[in-house]
Amino acid sequence: MKTKSDSDQAITKNALLGSGHEPTFSGVMSFMRRKYTKDIDEADLVILGIPLDTSVTNRPGARFGPAAIRKASCILDLDPQYPFHMDPFETLACADYGDVALSSNKVWENPERIETEAKNILDSGAYLLSLGGDHYVTWPLLKAHAERHGPLALVQFDAHQDTWEDHGEEIDHGTFVTRAVREGIIDPERSIQIGIRTHAPEDYGIEIIYGDEVEELSSEEIAQQIKERTGSGPVYVTFDIDCLDPAFAPGTGTPVSGGPTSAKMLAVLRKLGSLDIVGSDVVEVAPAYDHAEVTAIAGSTVAMYMLCLQAEKKAD
């Protein structure tokens, strides 16, 4: 007979380690059924939701991304994760921290709220995996990580360069790279963008693998370019779901045709385990434009890959 401990493990679990046994279609839906908690002293990795979409330039709705990704991720619990051949929670203690408390009217306060919450988590010593939200959220996240690790190599999976003009005050999802370069948060000489299918006025010396090049290169060749570019220093990985072709991620704010498959980009991610990845995020999932959770499933799988890379690192 089932007991109360067999359901709602996001709130009833005692330990941060170990997988659960709960129906995938019910219960409190944390990311991969991890325990919801602010007590992260024992956590190796913390998931943080950032439901912000006040900086979009096209379709809104990414504020619902964290919830959609969490819901889609519940089917990933229980099994050894493909293609890692492992249950990451045997070795990696993970907590779902919930969402940043954002303001809907004092929007100018939100960047500091995000950065402060990120710093609190990083101060615990845990790896931070963030779920957006639109791509602006990567700016305060980069600030928090750079304060801890110094200038970062940015590995950006995206259809857009996000290098439009910025005056240091805008809350805009298309300018965070400009600001990060100008303020020395990222090192453009070690940074790379993958899947770009638009043109911005500046590239700031960041290497670009355009969408048509992605089609011609193998996943191994793309991963090798990323490794050669980033070197041995600290790396931050940001995955804008619109990197994928709209066929594989229709639920996003600014979809661009001609992109790669989810299979190919996941294969690239799988090969990045040797990098010194110190933080990562998945952004721009806007589920209202997707009738069958296709985009949320892709986003949750990208996040799972990021988590499993850290589990492999700890296991080794």
C-alpha atoms as a PDB file:
ATOM      1  CA  MET A   1       0.000   0.000   0.000  1.00  0.00           C
ATOM      2  CA  LYS A   2       1.255   3.471  -0.848  1.00  0.00           C
ATOM      3  CA  THR A   3       2.035   5.794   2.016  1.00  0.00           C
ATOM      4  CA  LYS A   4       2.276   9.541   2.261  1.00  0.00           C
ATOM      5  CA  SER A   5       6.045   9.271   1.799  1.00  0.00           C
ATOM      6  CA  ASP A   6       5.495   7.947  -1.735  1.00  0.00           C
ATOM      7  CA  SER A   7       3.981  11.212  -2.982  1.00  0.00           C
ATOM      8  CA  ASP A   8       4.878  14.897  -3.043  1.00  0.00           C
ATOM      9  CA  GLN A   9       8.540  14.083  -2.482  1.00  0.00           C
ATOM     10  CA  ALA A  10       9.455  17.631  -3.397  1.00  0.00           C
ATOM     11  CA  ILE A  11       8.262  18.529   0.104  1.00  0.00           C
ATOM     12  CA  THR A  12       8.389  15.211   1.987  1.00  0.00           C
ATOM     13  CA  LYS A  13      11.905  14.005   1.095  1.00  0.00           C
ATOM     14  CA  ASN A  14      14.385  14.179   3.949  1.00  0.00           C
ATOM     15  CA  ALA A  15      17.619  13.776   1.979  1.00  0.00           C
ATOM     16  CA  LEU A  16      19.001  15.606  -1.037  1.00  0.00           C
ATOM     17  CA  LEU A  17      20.463  12.390  -2.437  1.00  0.00           C
ATOM     18  CA  GLY A  18      18.516   9.550  -4.021  1.00  0.00           C
ATOM     19  CA  SER A  19      15.787   9.277  -6.648  1.00  0.00           C
ATOM     20  CA  GLY A  20      12.122   8.880  -5.807  1.00  0.00           C
ATOM     21  CA  HIS A  21       9.256   6.659  -6.869  1.00  0.00           C
ATOM     22  CA  GLU A  22       6.329   8.874  -7.709  1.00  0.00           C
ATOM     23  CA  PRO A  23       3.847   9.039 -10.597  1.00  0.00           C
ATOM     24  CA  THR A  24       5.192  11.391 -13.228  1.00  0.00           C
ATOM     25  CA  PHE A  25       1.789  13.008 -13.741  1.00  0.00           C
ATOM     26  CA  SER A  26       0.981  14.122 -10.209  1.00  0.00           C
ATOM     27  CA  GLY A  27       2.367  15.638  -7.044  1.00  0.00           C
ATOM     28  CA  VAL A  28       4.379  18.764  -6.328  1.00  0.00           C
ATOM     29  CA  MET A  29       6.508  19.227  -9.427  1.00  0.00           C
ATOM     30  CA  SER A  30       9.983  20.391  -8.510  1.00  0.00           C
ATOM     31  CA  PHE A  31      12.848  19.953 -10.967  1.00  0.00           C
ATOM     32  CA  MET A  32      13.341  16.188 -11.337  1.00  0.00           C
ATOM     33  CA  ARG A  33      11.476  15.738  -8.024  1.00  0.00           C
ATOM     34  CA  ARG A  34      14.262  17.347  -6.015  1.00  0.00           C
ATOM     35  CA  LYS A  35      13.404  18.564  -2.532  1.00  0.00           C
ATOM     36  CA  TYR A  36      12.156  22.141  -2.318  1.00  0.00           C
ATOM     37  CA  THR A  37      14.305  23.761   0.354  1.00  0.00           C
ATOM     38  CA  LYS A  38      16.288  26.860   1.269  1.00  0.00           C
ATOM     39  CA  ASP A  39      18.557  24.706   3.445  1.00  0.00           C
ATOM     40  CA  ILE A  40      21.365  24.061   0.973  1.00  0.00           C
ATOM     41  CA  ASP A  41      24.409  23.637   3.219  1.00  0.00           C
ATOM     42  CA  GLU A  42      24.745  20.012   2.061  1.00  0.00           C
ATOM     43  CA  ALA A  43      23.825  20.626  -1.572  1.00  0.00           C
ATOM     44  CA  ASP A  44      26.242  20.056  -4.445  1.00  0.00           C
ATOM     45  CA  LEU A  45      23.876  21.627  -6.975  1.00  0.00           C
ATOM     46  CA  VAL A  46      20.942  24.012  -6.570  1.00  0.00           C
ATOM     47  CA  ILE A  47      18.174  24.705  -9.080  1.00  0.00           C
ATOM     48  CA  LEU A  48      16.822  28.267  -9.115  1.00  0.00           C
ATOM     49  CA  GLY A  49      13.816  29.519 -11.072  1.00  0.00           C
ATOM     50  CA  ILE A  50      13.784  33.099 -12.401  1.00  0.00           C
ATOM     51  CA  PRO A  51      10.303  33.862 -13.810  1.00  0.00           C
ATOM     52  CA  LEU A  52      11.152  37.149 -15.547  1.00  0.00           C
ATOM     53  CA  ASP A  53       9.941  38.232 -18.989  1.00  0.00           C
ATOM     54  CA  THR A  54       9.671  42.005 -18.701  1.00  0.00           C
ATOM     55  CA  SER A  55      12.666  42.570 -20.976  1.00  0.00           C
ATOM     56  CA  VAL A  56      11.496  40.753 -24.106  1.00  0.00           C
ATOM     57  CA  THR A  57      11.379  42.476 -27.497  1.00  0.00           C
ATOM     58  CA  ASN A  58       8.870  40.113 -29.084  1.00  0.00           C
ATOM     59  CA  ARG A  59       6.501  37.579 -27.503  1.00  0.00           C
ATOM     60  CA  PRO A  60       6.166  37.517 -23.692  1.00  0.00           C
ATOM     61  CA  GLY A  61       5.555  34.387 -21.624  1.00  0.00           C
ATOM     62  CA  ALA A  62       8.983  33.189 -20.455  1.00  0.00           C
ATOM     63  CA  ARG A  63       7.912  33.965 -16.887  1.00  0.00           C
ATOM     64  CA  PHE A  64       6.124  30.610 -17.085  1.00  0.00           C
ATOM     65  CA  GLY A  65       9.322  28.853 -18.223  1.00  0.00           C
ATOM     66  CA  PRO A  66      10.561  27.642 -14.817  1.00  0.00           C
ATOM     67  CA  ALA A  67       7.206  26.050 -13.980  1.00  0.00           C
ATOM     68  CA  ALA A  68       6.947  24.405 -17.413  1.00  0.00           C
ATOM     69  CA  ILE A  69      10.502  23.053 -17.259  1.00  0.00           C
ATOM     70  CA  ARG A  70       9.898  21.640 -13.777  1.00  0.00           C
ATOM     71  CA  LYS A  71       6.699  19.938 -14.891  1.00  0.00           C
ATOM     72  CA  ALA A  72       8.339  18.447 -17.990  1.00  0.00           C
ATOM     73  CA  SER A  73      11.308  17.231 -15.934  1.00  0.00           C
ATOM     74  CA  CYS A  74       9.209  14.979 -13.707  1.00  0.00           C
ATOM     75  CA  ILE A  75       9.269  12.213 -16.321  1.00  0.00           C
ATOM     76  CA  LEU A  76      13.066  12.157 -15.997  1.00  0.00           C
ATOM     77  CA  ASP A  77      12.986  11.001 -12.368  1.00  0.00           C
ATOM     78  CA  LEU A  78      13.571   7.333 -11.458  1.00  0.00           C
ATOM     79  CA  ASP A  79      15.584   6.105 -14.433  1.00  0.00           C
ATOM     80  CA  PRO A  80      19.316   6.168 -15.164  1.00  0.00           C
ATOM     81  CA  GLN A  81      19.653   9.234 -17.349  1.00  0.00           C
ATOM     82  CA  TYR A  82      20.331   8.742 -21.047  1.00  0.00           C
ATOM     83  CA  PRO A  83      23.029   8.952 -22.354  1.00  0.00           C
ATOM     84  CA  PHE A  84      24.929   9.154 -19.067  1.00  0.00           C
ATOM     85  CA  HIS A  85      24.165   5.594 -17.926  1.00  0.00           C
ATOM     86  CA  MET A  86      23.789   6.792 -14.345  1.00  0.00           C
ATOM     87  CA  ASP A  87      21.419   8.036 -11.689  1.00  0.00           C
ATOM     88  CA  PRO A  88      22.962  11.446 -10.942  1.00  0.00           C
ATOM     89  CA  PHE A  89      21.333  11.586  -7.521  1.00  0.00           C
ATOM     90  CA  GLU A  90      23.307   8.648  -6.225  1.00  0.00           C
ATOM     91  CA  THR A  91      26.286  10.978  -5.884  1.00  0.00           C
ATOM     92  CA  LEU A  92      25.047  14.528  -6.470  1.00  0.00           C
ATOM     93  CA  ALA A  93      23.071  16.148  -3.647  1.00  0.00           C
ATOM     94  CA  CYS A  94      20.566  18.465  -5.347  1.00  0.00           C
ATOM     95  CA  ALA A  95      17.984  20.913  -4.042  1.00  0.00           C
ATOM     96  CA  ASP A  96      15.307  22.946  -5.797  1.00  0.00           C
ATOM     97  CA  TYR A  97      15.515  26.402  -4.219  1.00  0.00           C
ATOM     98  CA  GLY A  98      12.253  27.570  -5.775  1.00  0.00           C
ATOM     99  CA  ASP A  99      11.944  30.895  -7.587  1.00  0.00           C
ATOM    100  CA  VAL A 100      13.408  34.343  -7.080  1.00  0.00           C
ATOM    101  CA  ALA A 101      10.721  36.636  -5.641  1.00  0.00           C
ATOM    102  CA  LEU A 102      10.415  39.250  -8.391  1.00  0.00           C
ATOM    103  CA  SER A 103       8.425  42.476  -8.439  1.00  0.00           C
ATOM    104  CA  SER A 104       5.821  43.093 -11.136  1.00  0.00           C
ATOM    105  CA  ASN A 105       5.786  46.877 -10.611  1.00  0.00           C
ATOM    106  CA  LYS A 106       9.232  47.825  -9.285  1.00  0.00           C
ATOM    107  CA  VAL A 107      10.932  46.049 -12.168  1.00  0.00           C
ATOM    108  CA  TRP A 108      14.158  48.014 -11.669  1.00  0.00           C
ATOM    109  CA  GLU A 109      14.681  46.072  -8.432  1.00  0.00           C
ATOM    110  CA  ASN A 110      14.636  42.664 -10.130  1.00  0.00           C
ATOM    111  CA  PRO A 111      18.253  42.549 -11.367  1.00  0.00           C
ATOM    112  CA  GLU A 112      19.535  43.043  -7.812  1.00  0.00           C
ATOM    113  CA  ARG A 113      17.064  40.488  -6.471  1.00  0.00           C
ATOM    114  CA  ILE A 114      18.339  37.897  -8.957  1.00  0.00           C
ATOM    115  CA  GLU A 115      21.998  38.674  -8.278  1.00  0.00           C
ATOM    116  CA  THR A 116      21.531  38.587  -4.504  1.00  0.00           C
ATOM    117  CA  GLU A 117      19.755  35.227  -4.582  1.00  0.00           C
ATOM    118  CA  ALA A 118      22.437  33.813  -6.890  1.00  0.00           C
ATOM    119  CA  LYS A 119      25.201  35.044  -4.587  1.00  0.00           C
ATOM    120  CA  ASN A 120      23.501  33.466  -1.572  1.00  0.00           C
ATOM    121  CA  ILE A 121      23.476  30.117  -3.333  1.00  0.00           C
ATOM    122  CA  LEU A 122      27.040  30.401  -4.614  1.00  0.00           C
ATOM    123  CA  ASP A 123      28.225  31.337  -1.112  1.00  0.00           C
ATOM    124  CA  SER A 124      27.058  27.903   0.039  1.00  0.00           C
ATOM    125  CA  GLY A 125      29.583  26.335  -2.323  1.00  0.00           C
ATOM    126  CA  ALA A 126      26.906  24.757  -4.525  1.00  0.00           C
ATOM    127  CA  TYR A 127      26.793  24.778  -8.312  1.00  0.00           C
ATOM    128  CA  LEU A 128      23.918  26.968  -9.561  1.00  0.00           C
ATOM    129  CA  LEU A 129      21.660  25.759 -12.380  1.00  0.00           C
ATOM    130  CA  SER A 130      19.114  28.468 -13.243  1.00  0.00           C
ATOM    131  CA  LEU A 131      15.840  28.205 -15.157  1.00  0.00           C
ATOM    132  CA  GLY A 132      14.596  31.337 -16.934  1.00  0.00           C
ATOM    133  CA  GLY A 133      12.882  33.534 -17.687  1.00  0.00           C
ATOM    134  CA  ASP A 134      14.051  35.587 -20.623  1.00  0.00           C
ATOM    135  CA  HIS A 135      17.732  35.983 -21.464  1.00  0.00           C
ATOM    136  CA  TYR A 136      18.200  39.144 -19.440  1.00  0.00           C
ATOM    137  CA  VAL A 137      18.435  36.940 -16.342  1.00  0.00           C
ATOM    138  CA  THR A 138      21.856  35.755 -17.494  1.00  0.00           C
ATOM    139  CA  TRP A 139      23.290  39.238 -16.817  1.00  0.00           C
ATOM    140  CA  PRO A 140      22.847  39.256 -13.010  1.00  0.00           C
ATOM    141  CA  LEU A 141      23.776  35.569 -12.950  1.00  0.00           C
ATOM    142  CA  LEU A 142      27.051  36.306 -14.763  1.00  0.00           C
ATOM    143  CA  LYS A 143      27.803  39.108 -12.299  1.00  0.00           C
ATOM    144  CA  ALA A 144      27.336  36.775  -9.344  1.00  0.00           C
ATOM    145  CA  HIS A 145      29.506  34.051 -10.872  1.00  0.00           C
ATOM    146  CA  ALA A 146      32.253  36.433 -11.999  1.00  0.00           C
ATOM    147  CA  GLU A 147      32.488  37.896  -8.505  1.00  0.00           C
ATOM    148  CA  ARG A 148      33.345  34.404  -7.308  1.00  0.00           C
ATOM    149  CA  HIS A 149      35.436  33.095 -10.224  1.00  0.00           C
ATOM    150  CA  GLY A 150      36.743  36.145 -12.079  1.00  0.00           C
ATOM    151  CA  PRO A 151      36.153  36.847 -15.797  1.00  0.00           C
ATOM    152  CA  LEU A 152      34.311  33.971 -17.422  1.00  0.00           C
ATOM    153  CA  ALA A 153      34.350  32.261 -20.789  1.00  0.00           C
ATOM    154  CA  LEU A 154      30.786  32.421 -22.091  1.00  0.00           C
ATOM    155  CA  VAL A 155      29.463  29.455 -24.068  1.00  0.00           C
ATOM    156  CA  GLN A 156      26.177  30.694 -25.521  1.00  0.00           C
ATOM    157  CA  PHE A 157      23.758  28.465 -27.427  1.00  0.00           C
ATOM    158  CA  ASP A 158      21.435  30.933 -29.134  1.00  0.00           C
ATOM    159  CA  ALA A 159      19.877  32.171 -32.364  1.00  0.00           C
ATOM    160  CA  HIS A 160      20.829  35.745 -31.392  1.00  0.00           C
ATOM    161  CA  GLN A 161      24.120  37.397 -30.446  1.00  0.00           C
ATOM    162  CA  ASP A 162      22.518  39.632 -27.776  1.00  0.00           C
ATOM    163  CA  THR A 163      25.150  42.288 -28.473  1.00  0.00           C
ATOM    164  CA  TRP A 164      22.883  45.231 -29.207  1.00  0.00           C
ATOM    165  CA  GLU A 165      23.729  48.709 -27.894  1.00  0.00           C
ATOM    166  CA  ASP A 166      23.471  49.053 -24.125  1.00  0.00           C
ATOM    167  CA  HIS A 167      23.814  52.085 -21.851  1.00  0.00           C
ATOM    168  CA  GLY A 168      24.167  50.172 -18.608  1.00  0.00           C
ATOM    169  CA  GLU A 169      20.620  50.815 -17.415  1.00  0.00           C
ATOM    170  CA  GLU A 170      18.311  48.911 -19.747  1.00  0.00           C
ATOM    171  CA  ILE A 171      16.520  45.727 -18.757  1.00  0.00           C
ATOM    172  CA  ASP A 172      16.733  44.091 -22.181  1.00  0.00           C
ATOM    173  CA  HIS A 173      17.268  40.471 -23.173  1.00  0.00           C
ATOM    174  CA  GLY A 174      19.191  41.510 -26.290  1.00  0.00           C
ATOM    175  CA  THR A 175      22.059  43.416 -24.664  1.00  0.00           C
ATOM    176  CA  PHE A 176      23.413  41.335 -21.799  1.00  0.00           C
ATOM    177  CA  VAL A 177      26.480  40.198 -23.769  1.00  0.00           C
ATOM    178  CA  THR A 178      27.387  43.805 -24.627  1.00  0.00           C
ATOM    179  CA  ARG A 179      27.217  44.778 -20.971  1.00  0.00           C
ATOM    180  CA  ALA A 180      29.152  41.695 -19.815  1.00  0.00           C
ATOM    181  CA  VAL A 181      31.985  42.431 -22.266  1.00  0.00           C
ATOM    182  CA  ARG A 182      32.188  46.136 -21.446  1.00  0.00           C
ATOM    183  CA  GLU A 183      32.276  45.499 -17.701  1.00  0.00           C
ATOM    184  CA  GLY A 184      34.856  42.726 -17.921  1.00  0.00           C
ATOM    185  CA  ILE A 185      32.468  40.034 -16.667  1.00  0.00           C
ATOM    186  CA  ILE A 186      33.224  37.756 -19.612  1.00  0.00           C
ATOM    187  CA  ASP A 187      36.394  37.367 -21.658  1.00  0.00           C
ATOM    188  CA  PRO A 188      35.423  37.676 -25.341  1.00  0.00           C
ATOM    189  CA  GLU A 189      38.685  36.035 -26.417  1.00  0.00           C
ATOM    190  CA  ARG A 190      37.566  32.852 -24.658  1.00  0.00           C
ATOM    191  CA  SER A 191      33.854  33.082 -25.472  1.00  0.00           C
ATOM    192  CA  ILE A 192      31.843  31.446 -28.239  1.00  0.00           C
ATOM    193  CA  GLN A 193      28.271  31.523 -29.557  1.00  0.00           C
ATOM    194  CA  ILE A 194      26.667  28.496 -31.236  1.00  0.00           C
ATOM    195  CA  GLY A 195      23.670  28.444 -33.578  1.00  0.00           C
ATOM    196  CA  ILE A 196      23.497  32.186 -34.381  1.00  0.00           C
ATOM    197  CA  ARG A 197      20.990  32.956 -37.167  1.00  0.00           C
ATOM    198  CA  THR A 198      20.744  36.751 -36.981  1.00  0.00           C
ATOM    199  CA  HIS A 199      23.166  39.679 -37.283  1.00  0.00           C
ATOM    200  CA  ALA A 200      23.871  42.306 -34.632  1.00  0.00           C
ATOM    201  CA  PRO A 201      26.036  45.426 -35.084  1.00  0.00           C
ATOM    202  CA  GLU A 202      28.901  44.100 -32.934  1.00  0.00           C
ATOM    203  CA  ASP A 203      30.497  40.769 -32.102  1.00  0.00           C
ATOM    204  CA  TYR A 204      33.092  42.115 -29.620  1.00  0.00           C
ATOM    205  CA  GLY A 205      35.585  39.490 -30.792  1.00  0.00           C
ATOM    206  CA  ILE A 206      33.448  36.573 -29.641  1.00  0.00           C
ATOM    207  CA  GLU A 207      33.758  33.524 -31.896  1.00  0.00           C
ATOM    208  CA  ILE A 208      30.540  32.597 -33.692  1.00  0.00           C
ATOM    209  CA  ILE A 209      29.407  29.289 -35.150  1.00  0.00           C
ATOM    210  CA  TYR A 210      26.467  30.321 -37.323  1.00  0.00           C
ATOM    211  CA  GLY A 211      23.422  28.148 -37.889  1.00  0.00           C
ATOM    212  CA  ASP A 212      24.432  27.077 -41.383  1.00  0.00           C
ATOM    213  CA  GLU A 213      27.865  26.069 -40.082  1.00  0.00           C
ATOM    214  CA  VAL A 214      26.244  23.996 -37.340  1.00  0.00           C
ATOM    215  CA  GLU A 215      24.520  22.021 -40.080  1.00  0.00           C
ATOM    216  CA  GLU A 216      27.830  21.275 -41.800  1.00  0.00           C
ATOM    217  CA  LEU A 217      29.814  20.365 -38.663  1.00  0.00           C
ATOM    218  CA  SER A 218      29.507  17.237 -36.542  1.00  0.00           C
ATOM    219  CA  SER A 219      28.700  17.477 -32.850  1.00  0.00           C
ATOM    220  CA  GLU A 220      32.277  16.382 -32.137  1.00  0.00           C
ATOM    221  CA  GLU A 221      33.689  19.184 -34.302  1.00  0.00           C
ATOM    222  CA  ILE A 222      31.476  21.776 -32.621  1.00  0.00           C
ATOM    223  CA  ALA A 223      32.430  20.561 -29.150  1.00  0.00           C
ATOM    224  CA  GLN A 224      36.105  20.653 -30.104  1.00  0.00           C
ATOM    225  CA  GLN A 225      35.813  24.277 -31.253  1.00  0.00           C
ATOM    226  CA  ILE A 226      34.184  25.158 -27.936  1.00  0.00           C
ATOM    227  CA  LYS A 227      36.957  23.438 -25.969  1.00  0.00           C
ATOM    228  CA  GLU A 228      39.704  25.100 -27.970  1.00  0.00           C
ATOM    229  CA  ARG A 229      38.101  28.514 -27.555  1.00  0.00           C
ATOM    230  CA  THR A 230      37.366  28.359 -23.825  1.00  0.00           C
ATOM    231  CA  GLY A 231      40.598  26.739 -22.658  1.00  0.00           C
ATOM    232  CA  SER A 232      41.126  25.718 -19.049  1.00  0.00           C
ATOM    233  CA  GLY A 233      39.557  28.704 -17.223  1.00  0.00           C
ATOM    234  CA  PRO A 234      36.089  29.025 -15.679  1.00  0.00           C
ATOM    235  CA  VAL A 235      33.175  28.676 -18.103  1.00  0.00           C
ATOM    236  CA  TYR A 236      29.540  29.743 -17.885  1.00  0.00           C
ATOM    237  CA  VAL A 237      27.084  27.965 -20.207  1.00  0.00           C
ATOM    238  CA  THR A 238      23.840  29.678 -21.192  1.00  0.00           C
ATOM    239  CA  PHE A 239      21.319  27.878 -23.394  1.00  0.00           C
ATOM    240  CA  ASP A 240      18.647  30.011 -25.025  1.00  0.00           C
ATOM    241  CA  ILE A 241      16.052  27.499 -26.198  1.00  0.00           C
ATOM    242  CA  ASP A 242      15.628  29.467 -29.449  1.00  0.00           C
ATOM    243  CA  CYS A 243      19.023  28.084 -30.446  1.00  0.00           C
ATOM    244  CA  LEU A 244      16.938  25.124 -31.586  1.00  0.00           C
ATOM    245  CA  ASP A 245      14.876  25.278 -34.749  1.00  0.00           C
ATOM    246  CA  PRO A 246      11.210  26.182 -34.061  1.00  0.00           C
ATOM    247  CA  ALA A 247      10.324  22.623 -35.070  1.00  0.00           C
ATOM    248  CA  PHE A 248      11.985  21.500 -31.839  1.00  0.00           C
ATOM    249  CA  ALA A 249      11.254  24.578 -29.693  1.00  0.00           C
ATOM    250  CA  PRO A 250       8.164  26.464 -30.902  1.00  0.00           C
ATOM    251  CA  GLY A 251       7.404  27.818 -27.436  1.00  0.00           C
ATOM    252  CA  THR A 252       9.804  30.728 -27.265  1.00  0.00           C
ATOM    253  CA  GLY A 253       9.682  34.493 -27.602  1.00  0.00           C
ATOM    254  CA  THR A 254      11.780  35.051 -30.716  1.00  0.00           C
ATOM    255  CA  PRO A 255      11.884  31.869 -32.820  1.00  0.00           C
ATOM    256  CA  VAL A 256      14.186  31.789 -35.861  1.00  0.00           C
ATOM    257  CA  SER A 257      13.961  29.172 -38.603  1.00  0.00           C
ATOM    258  CA  GLY A 258      16.975  27.264 -39.866  1.00  0.00           C
ATOM    259  CA  GLY A 259      18.267  26.059 -36.521  1.00  0.00           C
ATOM    260  CA  PRO A 260      19.680  22.751 -35.308  1.00  0.00           C
ATOM    261  CA  THR A 261      17.837  19.780 -33.894  1.00  0.00           C
ATOM    262  CA  SER A 262      17.616  19.151 -30.179  1.00  0.00           C
ATOM    263  CA  ALA A 263      19.479  15.877 -30.726  1.00  0.00           C
ATOM    264  CA  LYS A 264      22.496  17.627 -32.222  1.00  0.00           C
ATOM    265  CA  MET A 265      22.802  20.319 -29.556  1.00  0.00           C
ATOM    266  CA  LEU A 266      22.358  17.759 -26.780  1.00  0.00           C
ATOM    267  CA  ALA A 267      25.135  15.721 -28.377  1.00  0.00           C
ATOM    268  CA  VAL A 268      27.367  18.806 -28.227  1.00  0.00           C
ATOM    269  CA  LEU A 269      26.536  19.407 -24.563  1.00  0.00           C
ATOM    270  CA  ARG A 270      27.322  15.777 -23.771  1.00  0.00           C
ATOM    271  CA  LYS A 271      30.889  16.311 -24.959  1.00  0.00           C
ATOM    272  CA  LEU A 272      31.653  19.349 -22.762  1.00  0.00           C
ATOM    273  CA  GLY A 273      32.347  17.496 -19.520  1.00  0.00           C
ATOM    274  CA  SER A 274      36.048  18.347 -19.579  1.00  0.00           C
ATOM    275  CA  LEU A 275      35.352  22.097 -19.336  1.00  0.00           C
ATOM    276  CA  ASP A 276      35.533  23.917 -16.016  1.00  0.00           C
ATOM    277  CA  ILE A 277      31.834  24.815 -16.078  1.00  0.00           C
ATOM    278  CA  VAL A 278      31.062  26.846 -12.951  1.00  0.00           C
ATOM    279  CA  GLY A 279      27.425  27.737 -13.697  1.00  0.00           C
ATOM    280  CA  SER A 280      24.692  27.383 -16.301  1.00  0.00           C
ATOM    281  CA  ASP A 281      21.174  28.343 -17.248  1.00  0.00           C
ATOM    282  CA  VAL A 282      18.324  27.468 -19.622  1.00  0.00           C
ATOM    283  CA  VAL A 283      16.238  30.441 -20.743  1.00  0.00           C
ATOM    284  CA  GLU A 284      13.459  31.721 -23.029  1.00  0.00           C
ATOM    285  CA  VAL A 285      11.031  28.786 -22.671  1.00  0.00           C
ATOM    286  CA  ALA A 286       7.597  30.379 -23.234  1.00  0.00           C
ATOM    287  CA  PRO A 287       5.139  27.468 -23.025  1.00  0.00           C
ATOM    288  CA  ALA A 288       2.018  29.335 -24.148  1.00  0.00           C
ATOM    289  CA  TYR A 289       3.148  29.105 -27.796  1.00  0.00           C
ATOM    290  CA  ASP A 290       3.565  25.328 -27.677  1.00  0.00           C
ATOM    291  CA  HIS A 291       0.555  23.014 -27.627  1.00  0.00           C
ATOM    292  CA  ALA A 292       2.344  19.811 -26.595  1.00  0.00           C
ATOM    293  CA  GLU A 293       5.113  20.827 -24.150  1.00  0.00           C
ATOM    294  CA  VAL A 294       7.720  20.209 -26.859  1.00  0.00           C
ATOM    295  CA  THR A 295       9.807  23.213 -25.819  1.00  0.00           C
ATOM    296  CA  ALA A 296       9.581  22.520 -22.095  1.00  0.00           C
ATOM    297  CA  ILE A 297      10.653  18.918 -22.694  1.00  0.00           C
ATOM    298  CA  ALA A 298      13.666  20.166 -24.654  1.00  0.00           C
ATOM    299  CA  GLY A 299      14.482  22.726 -21.945  1.00  0.00           C
ATOM    300  CA  SER A 300      14.212  20.203 -19.133  1.00  0.00           C
ATOM    301  CA  THR A 301      16.452  17.785 -21.037  1.00  0.00           C
ATOM    302  CA  VAL A 302      19.078  20.471 -21.610  1.00  0.00           C
ATOM    303  CA  ALA A 303      18.998  21.225 -17.872  1.00  0.00           C
ATOM    304  CA  MET A 304      19.271  17.512 -17.075  1.00  0.00           C
ATOM    305  CA  TYR A 305      22.383  17.267 -19.260  1.00  0.00           C
ATOM    306  CA  MET A 306      23.918  20.218 -17.413  1.00  0.00           C
ATOM    307  CA  LEU A 307      23.136  18.523 -14.104  1.00  0.00           C
ATOM    308  CA  CYS A 308      24.499  15.152 -15.209  1.00  0.00           C
ATOM    309  CA  LEU A 309      27.793  16.717 -16.353  1.00  0.00           C
ATOM    310  CA  GLN A 310      28.251  17.895 -12.769  1.00  0.00           C
ATOM    311  CA  ALA A 311      27.260  14.476 -11.399  1.00  0.00           C
ATOM    312  CA  GLU A 312      29.875  12.826 -13.618  1.00  0.00           C
ATOM    313  CA  LYS A 313      32.495  15.299 -12.422  1.00  0.00           C
ATOM    314  CA  LYS A 314      31.729  14.522  -8.779  1.00  0.00           C
ATOM    315  CA  ALA A 315      31.642  10.763  -9.398  1.00  0.00           C
ATOM    316  CA  ASP A 316      35.076  10.951 -11.016  1.00  0.00           C
END
